[in-house]
């Protein structure tokens, strides 16, 4: 069974638009670096529901081939390097993981 991994990042006031795009590029590169990823999308929040944003401006969605791939993603060196690069930019993070039923 495949698994979905959703992350919303609340970036701090120090972040620049250029740095936001660098973070998106780093996230997109993870698909080539980490095995078990079926699909990965990332981008800057452009919702028109601005009263619902609560400061979360960067989104990530990763589909994994199975739960083992999801579990291996967290400690993977490429993921850990990305997480370490976020330290000065991120105020808060929300993570949601769930299985995707077969269709």
C-alpha atoms as a PDB file:
ATOM      1  CA  UNK A   1       0.000   0.000   0.000  1.00  0.00           C
ATOM      2  CA  UNK A   2       1.319   3.449  -0.912  1.00  0.00           C
ATOM      3  CA  UNK A   3       1.648   6.245   1.651  1.00  0.00           C
ATOM      4  CA  UNK A   4       1.166   9.995   1.359  1.00  0.00           C
ATOM      5  CA  UNK A   5       3.386  12.419   3.299  1.00  0.00           C
ATOM      6  CA  UNK A   6       2.151  16.020   3.552  1.00  0.00           C
ATOM      7  CA  UNK A   7       4.153  18.848   5.088  1.00  0.00           C
ATOM      8  CA  UNK A   8       3.277  22.525   5.539  1.00  0.00           C
ATOM      9  CA  UNK A   9       6.110  24.850   6.525  1.00  0.00           C
ATOM     10  CA  UNK A  10       5.646  28.167   8.318  1.00  0.00           C
ATOM     11  CA  UNK A  11       8.655  30.220   7.252  1.00  0.00           C
ATOM     12  CA  UNK A  12       9.894  33.133   9.353  1.00  0.00           C
ATOM     13  CA  UNK A  13      10.134  36.800   8.380  1.00  0.00           C
ATOM     14  CA  UNK A  14      13.834  36.502   7.458  1.00  0.00           C
ATOM     15  CA  UNK A  15      13.084  34.392   4.361  1.00  0.00           C
ATOM     16  CA  UNK A  16      13.414  36.023   0.945  1.00  0.00           C
ATOM     17  CA  UNK A  17      11.517  35.019  -2.219  1.00  0.00           C
ATOM     18  CA  UNK A  18      14.813  33.774  -3.677  1.00  0.00           C
ATOM     19  CA  UNK A  19      15.457  31.575  -0.638  1.00  0.00           C
ATOM     20  CA  UNK A  20      11.888  30.236  -0.822  1.00  0.00           C
ATOM     21  CA  UNK A  21      12.526  29.126  -4.398  1.00  0.00           C
ATOM     22  CA  UNK A  22      15.838  27.538  -3.333  1.00  0.00           C
ATOM     23  CA  UNK A  23      13.963  25.508  -0.700  1.00  0.00           C
ATOM     24  CA  UNK A  24      11.416  24.363  -3.298  1.00  0.00           C
ATOM     25  CA  UNK A  25      14.271  23.283  -5.600  1.00  0.00           C
ATOM     26  CA  UNK A  26      15.937  21.380  -2.737  1.00  0.00           C
ATOM     27  CA  UNK A  27      12.668  19.584  -2.002  1.00  0.00           C
ATOM     28  CA  UNK A  28      12.095  18.675  -5.650  1.00  0.00           C
ATOM     29  CA  UNK A  29      15.624  17.243  -5.856  1.00  0.00           C
ATOM     30  CA  UNK A  30      14.836  14.745  -3.086  1.00  0.00           C
ATOM     31  CA  UNK A  31      12.849  12.597  -5.548  1.00  0.00           C
ATOM     32  CA  UNK A  32      16.071  11.768  -7.405  1.00  0.00           C
ATOM     33  CA  UNK A  33      18.078  11.241  -4.213  1.00  0.00           C
ATOM     34  CA  UNK A  34      15.823   9.053  -2.071  1.00  0.00           C
ATOM     35  CA  UNK A  35      14.558   5.627  -3.148  1.00  0.00           C
ATOM     36  CA  UNK A  36      10.905   4.664  -2.769  1.00  0.00           C
ATOM     37  CA  UNK A  37       9.429   8.017  -3.807  1.00  0.00           C
ATOM     38  CA  UNK A  38       6.708   7.556  -6.422  1.00  0.00           C
ATOM     39  CA  UNK A  39       5.894  11.245  -6.792  1.00  0.00           C
ATOM     40  CA  UNK A  40       6.962  14.478  -5.112  1.00  0.00           C
ATOM     41  CA  UNK A  41       5.535  17.978  -5.490  1.00  0.00           C
ATOM     42  CA  UNK A  42       6.452  21.147  -3.611  1.00  0.00           C
ATOM     43  CA  UNK A  43       5.639  24.807  -3.930  1.00  0.00           C
ATOM     44  CA  UNK A  44       4.831  28.176  -2.416  1.00  0.00           C
ATOM     45  CA  UNK A  45       1.292  28.554  -1.085  1.00  0.00           C
ATOM     46  CA  UNK A  46      -0.836  30.634  -3.484  1.00  0.00           C
ATOM     47  CA  UNK A  47      -4.236  29.976  -1.925  1.00  0.00           C
ATOM     48  CA  UNK A  48      -6.782  32.763  -2.126  1.00  0.00           C
ATOM     49  CA  UNK A  49      -8.158  31.609   1.240  1.00  0.00           C
ATOM     50  CA  UNK A  50      -5.738  33.952   2.994  1.00  0.00           C
ATOM     51  CA  UNK A  51      -7.624  33.796   6.307  1.00  0.00           C
ATOM     52  CA  UNK A  52      -6.799  30.059   6.422  1.00  0.00           C
ATOM     53  CA  UNK A  53      -3.040  30.240   5.768  1.00  0.00           C
ATOM     54  CA  UNK A  54      -1.987  30.797   9.411  1.00  0.00           C
ATOM     55  CA  UNK A  55       1.491  31.668   8.153  1.00  0.00           C
ATOM     56  CA  UNK A  56       2.139  28.370   6.350  1.00  0.00           C
ATOM     57  CA  UNK A  57       3.697  29.300   3.020  1.00  0.00           C
ATOM     58  CA  UNK A  58       5.575  26.238   1.711  1.00  0.00           C
ATOM     59  CA  UNK A  59       3.928  22.909   0.941  1.00  0.00           C
ATOM     60  CA  UNK A  60       5.300  19.430   0.216  1.00  0.00           C
ATOM     61  CA  UNK A  61       3.533  16.256  -0.896  1.00  0.00           C
ATOM     62  CA  UNK A  62       5.409  12.980  -1.273  1.00  0.00           C
ATOM     63  CA  UNK A  63       3.890   9.685  -2.353  1.00  0.00           C
ATOM     64  CA  UNK A  64       5.880   6.647  -1.210  1.00  0.00           C
ATOM     65  CA  UNK A  65       5.640   3.166  -2.668  1.00  0.00           C
ATOM     66  CA  UNK A  66       5.052   1.677   0.795  1.00  0.00           C
ATOM     67  CA  UNK A  67       5.349   2.316   4.528  1.00  0.00           C
ATOM     68  CA  UNK A  68       8.932   1.060   4.597  1.00  0.00           C
ATOM     69  CA  UNK A  69       9.944   3.733   2.056  1.00  0.00           C
ATOM     70  CA  UNK A  70       8.213   6.386   4.179  1.00  0.00           C
ATOM     71  CA  UNK A  71      10.058   5.188   7.281  1.00  0.00           C
ATOM     72  CA  UNK A  72      13.415   5.194   5.429  1.00  0.00           C
ATOM     73  CA  UNK A  73      12.844   8.765   4.169  1.00  0.00           C
ATOM     74  CA  UNK A  74      13.148  10.497   7.564  1.00  0.00           C
ATOM     75  CA  UNK A  75      16.666   9.324   8.445  1.00  0.00           C
ATOM     76  CA  UNK A  76      17.952   9.407   4.828  1.00  0.00           C
ATOM     77  CA  UNK A  77      21.052  11.673   4.592  1.00  0.00           C
ATOM     78  CA  UNK A  78      19.528  13.830   1.800  1.00  0.00           C
ATOM     79  CA  UNK A  79      16.408  14.465   3.888  1.00  0.00           C
ATOM     80  CA  UNK A  80      18.462  15.156   7.005  1.00  0.00           C
ATOM     81  CA  UNK A  81      20.602  17.669   5.067  1.00  0.00           C
ATOM     82  CA  UNK A  82      17.429  19.481   3.943  1.00  0.00           C
ATOM     83  CA  UNK A  83      16.046  19.532   7.491  1.00  0.00           C
ATOM     84  CA  UNK A  84      19.330  20.958   8.792  1.00  0.00           C
ATOM     85  CA  UNK A  85      19.230  23.698   6.135  1.00  0.00           C
ATOM     86  CA  UNK A  86      15.803  24.806   7.399  1.00  0.00           C
ATOM     87  CA  UNK A  87      16.884  25.709  10.932  1.00  0.00           C
ATOM     88  CA  UNK A  88      17.205  29.459  10.393  1.00  0.00           C
ATOM     89  CA  UNK A  89      14.106  29.746   8.158  1.00  0.00           C
ATOM     90  CA  UNK A  90      11.320  27.687   9.724  1.00  0.00           C
ATOM     91  CA  UNK A  91       9.027  28.769  12.518  1.00  0.00           C
ATOM     92  CA  UNK A  92       6.714  25.751  12.525  1.00  0.00           C
ATOM     93  CA  UNK A  93       5.904  22.565  10.581  1.00  0.00           C
ATOM     94  CA  UNK A  94       2.805  20.396  10.241  1.00  0.00           C
ATOM     95  CA  UNK A  95       3.192  16.786   9.052  1.00  0.00           C
ATOM     96  CA  UNK A  96       0.451  14.357   8.004  1.00  0.00           C
ATOM     97  CA  UNK A  97       1.131  10.766   6.840  1.00  0.00           C
ATOM     98  CA  UNK A  98      -1.595   8.382   5.707  1.00  0.00           C
ATOM     99  CA  UNK A  99      -2.001   5.198   3.667  1.00  0.00           C
ATOM    100  CA  UNK A 100      -3.561   5.473   0.226  1.00  0.00           C
ATOM    101  CA  UNK A 101      -6.165   2.743  -0.360  1.00  0.00           C
ATOM    102  CA  UNK A 102      -5.831   0.719  -3.543  1.00  0.00           C
ATOM    103  CA  UNK A 103      -8.046   1.858  -6.349  1.00  0.00           C
END
